[in-house]
Amino acid sequence: MEVVENLEAWAERQRGAIVALARNWAGQLEGRVKRDAPWMDRTGNARAGLYGSIEVRPDEILIRVGHSMEYGVFLELARDGRYAILKPTIDAAVPEVSRSLKRLWE
């Protein structure tokens, strides 16, 4: 029984570490999209409405980056993506996030 208890405790610690890592990445990505958004601010609402968050599910932990303003979809898709910030930021971060997750398991 002690082996099972130790294994369960280890799994719980690893899950906690992954949640903490995901929160860290969500914050970093939020900072990046707010800093690097290519549009000219008029009201500042679009930039202020960019966010990073996580969702913890039973079998997965999601990192989300998005717009809270209704017109965020237009900034991402209009004019051939000229003002897009979400996908380019996520695409650039995937290798970094993967490496940090692998280091967590070493």
N, C-alpha and C. Protein backbone atom coordinates (compact mmCIF):
# COMPACT_ATOMS: atom_id res chain seq x y z
N MET A 1 0.81 -1.19 0.00
CA MET A 1 0.00 0.00 0.00
C MET A 1 0.86 1.27 0.00
N GLU A 2 2.00 1.21 0.66
CA GLU A 2 2.84 2.39 0.75
C GLU A 2 3.33 2.81 -0.64
N VAL A 3 3.62 1.85 -1.50
CA VAL A 3 4.07 2.17 -2.85
C VAL A 3 2.97 2.90 -3.61
N VAL A 4 1.75 2.44 -3.51
CA VAL A 4 0.63 3.07 -4.18
C VAL A 4 0.41 4.48 -3.64
N GLU A 5 0.48 4.64 -2.34
CA GLU A 5 0.31 5.96 -1.74
C GLU A 5 1.41 6.91 -2.20
N ASN A 6 2.63 6.43 -2.24
CA ASN A 6 3.74 7.27 -2.71
C ASN A 6 3.57 7.64 -4.18
N LEU A 7 3.12 6.70 -4.98
CA LEU A 7 2.90 6.97 -6.39
C LEU A 7 1.79 7.99 -6.58
N GLU A 8 0.72 7.86 -5.83
CA GLU A 8 -0.38 8.83 -5.90
C GLU A 8 0.08 10.22 -5.46
N ALA A 9 0.89 10.28 -4.42
CA ALA A 9 1.42 11.57 -3.95
C ALA A 9 2.33 12.20 -4.99
N TRP A 10 3.16 11.38 -5.63
CA TRP A 10 4.05 11.87 -6.68
C TRP A 10 3.22 12.42 -7.85
N ALA A 11 2.20 11.68 -8.26
CA ALA A 11 1.34 12.12 -9.38
C ALA A 11 0.66 13.44 -9.03
N GLU A 12 0.23 13.59 -7.80
CA GLU A 12 -0.44 14.83 -7.38
C GLU A 12 0.55 16.00 -7.40
N ARG A 13 1.79 15.76 -6.96
CA ARG A 13 2.83 16.80 -7.01
C ARG A 13 3.13 17.20 -8.44
N GLN A 14 3.23 16.22 -9.33
CA GLN A 14 3.49 16.50 -10.75
C GLN A 14 2.35 17.30 -11.36
N ARG A 15 1.13 16.94 -11.06
CA ARG A 15 -0.03 17.68 -11.57
C ARG A 15 0.02 19.13 -11.07
N GLY A 16 0.33 19.32 -9.81
CA GLY A 16 0.45 20.66 -9.26
C GLY A 16 1.55 21.45 -9.96
N ALA A 17 2.65 20.81 -10.25
CA ALA A 17 3.76 21.47 -10.95
C ALA A 17 3.35 21.85 -12.37
N ILE A 18 2.60 21.00 -13.02
CA ILE A 18 2.14 21.29 -14.38
C ILE A 18 1.16 22.45 -14.37
N VAL A 19 0.27 22.48 -13.40
CA VAL A 19 -0.67 23.60 -13.28
C VAL A 19 0.10 24.91 -13.05
N ALA A 20 1.09 24.87 -12.18
CA ALA A 20 1.90 26.07 -11.93
C ALA A 20 2.64 26.51 -13.19
N LEU A 21 3.19 25.56 -13.93
CA LEU A 21 3.88 25.87 -15.17
C LEU A 21 2.91 26.48 -16.18
N ALA A 22 1.73 25.91 -16.28
CA ALA A 22 0.72 26.43 -17.21
C ALA A 22 0.32 27.86 -16.83
N ARG A 23 0.14 28.12 -15.55
CA ARG A 23 -0.20 29.48 -15.09
C ARG A 23 0.91 30.46 -15.46
N ASN A 24 2.15 30.02 -15.26
CA ASN A 24 3.28 30.87 -15.61
C ASN A 24 3.28 31.19 -17.10
N TRP A 25 3.09 30.17 -17.93
CA TRP A 25 3.06 30.39 -19.37
C TRP A 25 1.89 31.26 -19.79
N ALA A 26 0.74 31.08 -19.18
CA ALA A 26 -0.42 31.92 -19.51
C ALA A 26 -0.10 33.38 -19.23
N GLY A 27 0.53 33.66 -18.12
CA GLY A 27 0.92 35.02 -17.79
C GLY A 27 1.96 35.58 -18.75
N GLN A 28 2.95 34.75 -19.09
CA GLN A 28 3.97 35.20 -20.05
C GLN A 28 3.35 35.49 -21.42
N LEU A 29 2.48 34.61 -21.87
CA LEU A 29 1.86 34.80 -23.18
C LEU A 29 0.95 36.02 -23.19
N GLU A 30 0.23 36.24 -22.10
CA GLU A 30 -0.59 37.45 -22.02
C GLU A 30 0.30 38.70 -22.14
N GLY A 31 1.41 38.69 -21.45
CA GLY A 31 2.33 39.82 -21.55
C GLY A 31 2.85 40.02 -22.96
N ARG A 32 3.17 38.93 -23.62
CA ARG A 32 3.69 39.02 -24.99
C ARG A 32 2.66 39.59 -25.96
N VAL A 33 1.42 39.08 -25.88
CA VAL A 33 0.42 39.56 -26.84
C VAL A 33 0.08 41.02 -26.58
N LYS A 34 0.04 41.42 -25.32
CA LYS A 34 -0.24 42.82 -25.02
C LYS A 34 0.90 43.72 -25.48
N ARG A 35 2.13 43.27 -25.29
CA ARG A 35 3.29 44.06 -25.68
C ARG A 35 3.45 44.13 -27.20
N ASP A 36 3.23 43.00 -27.89
CA ASP A 36 3.57 42.89 -29.30
C ASP A 36 2.42 43.08 -30.27
N ALA A 37 1.21 43.32 -29.77
CA ALA A 37 0.06 43.50 -30.68
C ALA A 37 0.39 44.59 -31.70
N PRO A 38 0.22 44.29 -33.00
CA PRO A 38 0.71 45.19 -34.04
C PRO A 38 -0.21 46.36 -34.39
N TRP A 39 -1.35 46.46 -33.78
CA TRP A 39 -2.26 47.54 -34.16
C TRP A 39 -1.97 48.81 -33.37
N MET A 40 -2.47 49.92 -33.90
CA MET A 40 -2.38 51.22 -33.23
C MET A 40 -3.57 51.34 -32.29
N ASP A 41 -3.31 51.56 -31.02
CA ASP A 41 -4.39 51.70 -30.05
C ASP A 41 -5.15 53.00 -30.28
N ARG A 42 -6.47 52.88 -30.22
CA ARG A 42 -7.31 54.08 -30.25
C ARG A 42 -7.89 54.30 -28.86
N THR A 43 -8.48 53.25 -28.32
CA THR A 43 -9.05 53.37 -26.97
C THR A 43 -8.23 52.58 -25.95
N GLY A 44 -7.44 51.64 -26.42
CA GLY A 44 -6.68 50.77 -25.52
C GLY A 44 -7.47 49.57 -25.06
N ASN A 45 -8.75 49.49 -25.44
CA ASN A 45 -9.60 48.39 -24.97
C ASN A 45 -9.18 47.05 -25.54
N ALA A 46 -8.81 47.01 -26.81
CA ALA A 46 -8.43 45.72 -27.42
C ALA A 46 -7.18 45.17 -26.75
N ARG A 47 -6.18 46.01 -26.55
CA ARG A 47 -4.94 45.56 -25.92
C ARG A 47 -5.21 45.15 -24.46
N ALA A 48 -5.98 45.95 -23.75
CA ALA A 48 -6.31 45.63 -22.37
C ALA A 48 -7.14 44.36 -22.27
N GLY A 49 -7.90 44.05 -23.33
CA GLY A 49 -8.76 42.87 -23.33
C GLY A 49 -8.07 41.58 -23.72
N LEU A 50 -6.80 41.65 -24.07
CA LEU A 50 -6.05 40.42 -24.35
C LEU A 50 -5.79 39.72 -23.02
N TYR A 51 -5.88 38.40 -23.01
CA TYR A 51 -5.72 37.68 -21.76
C TYR A 51 -5.03 36.34 -21.97
N GLY A 52 -4.47 35.85 -20.91
CA GLY A 52 -3.94 34.49 -20.84
C GLY A 52 -4.56 33.84 -19.62
N SER A 53 -4.97 32.59 -19.76
CA SER A 53 -5.58 31.88 -18.63
C SER A 53 -5.34 30.39 -18.81
N ILE A 54 -5.72 29.63 -17.79
CA ILE A 54 -5.65 28.17 -17.92
C ILE A 54 -7.00 27.58 -17.56
N GLU A 55 -7.22 26.38 -18.07
CA GLU A 55 -8.41 25.61 -17.69
C GLU A 55 -7.91 24.24 -17.29
N VAL A 56 -8.24 23.84 -16.07
CA VAL A 56 -7.83 22.54 -15.56
C VAL A 56 -9.00 21.58 -15.69
N ARG A 57 -8.77 20.54 -16.48
CA ARG A 57 -9.78 19.50 -16.66
C ARG A 57 -9.25 18.22 -16.03
N PRO A 58 -10.09 17.20 -15.89
CA PRO A 58 -9.61 15.96 -15.26
C PRO A 58 -8.39 15.34 -15.96
N ASP A 59 -8.37 15.37 -17.29
CA ASP A 59 -7.30 14.71 -18.01
C ASP A 59 -6.41 15.64 -18.82
N GLU A 60 -6.60 16.95 -18.68
CA GLU A 60 -5.76 17.88 -19.43
C GLU A 60 -5.78 19.25 -18.79
N ILE A 61 -4.76 20.02 -19.12
CA ILE A 61 -4.65 21.39 -18.65
C ILE A 61 -4.44 22.25 -19.88
N LEU A 62 -5.33 23.20 -20.11
CA LEU A 62 -5.28 24.03 -21.30
C LEU A 62 -4.75 25.42 -20.97
N ILE A 63 -3.91 25.93 -21.84
CA ILE A 63 -3.46 27.31 -21.75
C ILE A 63 -4.22 28.07 -22.83
N ARG A 64 -4.90 29.13 -22.44
CA ARG A 64 -5.69 29.91 -23.39
C ARG A 64 -5.11 31.32 -23.49
N VAL A 65 -5.11 31.83 -24.70
CA VAL A 65 -4.76 33.22 -24.96
C VAL A 65 -5.85 33.74 -25.88
N GLY A 66 -6.44 34.88 -25.55
CA GLY A 66 -7.55 35.35 -26.37
C GLY A 66 -7.85 36.82 -26.22
N HIS A 67 -8.89 37.21 -26.93
CA HIS A 67 -9.42 38.58 -26.90
C HIS A 67 -10.71 38.56 -26.08
N SER A 68 -10.95 39.60 -25.31
CA SER A 68 -12.24 39.70 -24.64
C SER A 68 -13.17 40.70 -25.35
N MET A 69 -12.63 41.45 -26.29
CA MET A 69 -13.44 42.40 -27.04
C MET A 69 -14.09 41.68 -28.22
N GLU A 70 -15.33 42.02 -28.53
CA GLU A 70 -16.05 41.38 -29.63
C GLU A 70 -15.30 41.49 -30.95
N TYR A 71 -14.65 42.61 -31.19
CA TYR A 71 -13.99 42.82 -32.48
C TYR A 71 -12.59 42.20 -32.54
N GLY A 72 -12.21 41.46 -31.52
CA GLY A 72 -10.91 40.78 -31.54
C GLY A 72 -10.78 39.83 -32.72
N VAL A 73 -11.88 39.18 -33.09
CA VAL A 73 -11.84 38.25 -34.23
C VAL A 73 -11.47 39.00 -35.51
N PHE A 74 -11.92 40.23 -35.65
CA PHE A 74 -11.59 41.01 -36.84
C PHE A 74 -10.11 41.40 -36.85
N LEU A 75 -9.59 41.71 -35.67
CA LEU A 75 -8.16 42.03 -35.60
C LEU A 75 -7.32 40.82 -36.00
N GLU A 76 -7.79 39.63 -35.65
CA GLU A 76 -7.04 38.41 -35.96
C GLU A 76 -7.18 37.99 -37.42
N LEU A 77 -8.33 38.22 -38.03
CA LEU A 77 -8.60 37.63 -39.35
C LEU A 77 -8.66 38.63 -40.50
N ALA A 78 -9.02 39.88 -40.22
CA ALA A 78 -9.19 40.86 -41.29
C ALA A 78 -7.84 41.25 -41.89
N ARG A 79 -7.91 41.78 -43.09
CA ARG A 79 -6.72 42.28 -43.80
C ARG A 79 -5.61 41.24 -43.85
N ASP A 80 -6.00 40.01 -44.18
CA ASP A 80 -5.06 38.89 -44.30
C ASP A 80 -4.23 38.69 -43.04
N GLY A 81 -4.82 38.94 -41.89
CA GLY A 81 -4.13 38.71 -40.62
C GLY A 81 -3.08 39.76 -40.28
N ARG A 82 -3.17 40.89 -40.91
CA ARG A 82 -2.17 41.95 -40.70
C ARG A 82 -2.05 42.35 -39.22
N TYR A 83 -3.15 42.28 -38.49
CA TYR A 83 -3.13 42.67 -37.08
C TYR A 83 -3.20 41.48 -36.13
N ALA A 84 -3.03 40.29 -36.66
CA ALA A 84 -3.11 39.08 -35.83
C ALA A 84 -1.96 39.05 -34.82
N ILE A 85 -2.28 38.64 -33.61
CA ILE A 85 -1.26 38.49 -32.58
C ILE A 85 -1.36 37.13 -31.89
N LEU A 86 -2.53 36.55 -31.81
CA LEU A 86 -2.69 35.31 -31.04
C LEU A 86 -1.96 34.13 -31.68
N LYS A 87 -2.30 33.80 -32.91
CA LYS A 87 -1.69 32.63 -33.54
C LYS A 87 -0.17 32.78 -33.69
N PRO A 88 0.33 33.93 -34.15
CA PRO A 88 1.79 34.05 -34.23
C PRO A 88 2.48 33.87 -32.88
N THR A 89 1.88 34.39 -31.83
CA THR A 89 2.49 34.26 -30.50
C THR A 89 2.45 32.82 -30.02
N ILE A 90 1.31 32.16 -30.22
CA ILE A 90 1.18 30.77 -29.81
C ILE A 90 2.14 29.90 -30.61
N ASP A 91 2.18 30.08 -31.92
CA ASP A 91 3.08 29.28 -32.75
C ASP A 91 4.53 29.43 -32.32
N ALA A 92 4.92 30.65 -31.98
CA ALA A 92 6.30 30.89 -31.55
C ALA A 92 6.58 30.27 -30.18
N ALA A 93 5.56 30.18 -29.33
CA ALA A 93 5.76 29.71 -27.96
C ALA A 93 5.70 28.19 -27.82
N VAL A 94 5.08 27.49 -28.76
CA VAL A 94 4.91 26.04 -28.62
C VAL A 94 6.22 25.32 -28.34
N PRO A 95 7.30 25.58 -29.08
CA PRO A 95 8.54 24.88 -28.76
C PRO A 95 9.06 25.19 -27.35
N GLU A 96 8.93 26.43 -26.92
CA GLU A 96 9.39 26.81 -25.58
C GLU A 96 8.56 26.12 -24.50
N VAL A 97 7.25 26.10 -24.69
CA VAL A 97 6.36 25.45 -23.71
C VAL A 97 6.67 23.96 -23.66
N SER A 98 6.86 23.35 -24.81
CA SER A 98 7.18 21.91 -24.86
C SER A 98 8.48 21.61 -24.13
N ARG A 99 9.51 22.43 -24.37
CA ARG A 99 10.80 22.21 -23.69
C ARG A 99 10.65 22.34 -22.18
N SER A 100 9.90 23.34 -21.72
CA SER A 100 9.75 23.53 -20.28
C SER A 100 8.98 22.36 -19.65
N LEU A 101 8.00 21.83 -20.37
CA LEU A 101 7.25 20.68 -19.87
C LEU A 101 8.14 19.44 -19.82
N LYS A 102 8.95 19.25 -20.84
CA LYS A 102 9.89 18.10 -20.83
C LYS A 102 10.87 18.21 -19.67
N ARG A 103 11.37 19.43 -19.40
CA ARG A 103 12.30 19.62 -18.28
C ARG A 103 11.63 19.26 -16.95
N LEU A 104 10.36 19.54 -16.86
CA LEU A 104 9.63 19.23 -15.64
C LEU A 104 9.63 17.72 -15.37
N TRP A 105 9.65 16.93 -16.43
CA TRP A 105 9.58 15.47 -16.28
C TRP A 105 10.95 14.81 -16.17
N GLU A 106 12.01 15.59 -16.31
CA GLU A 106 13.37 15.01 -16.22
C GLU A 106 13.76 14.76 -14.79
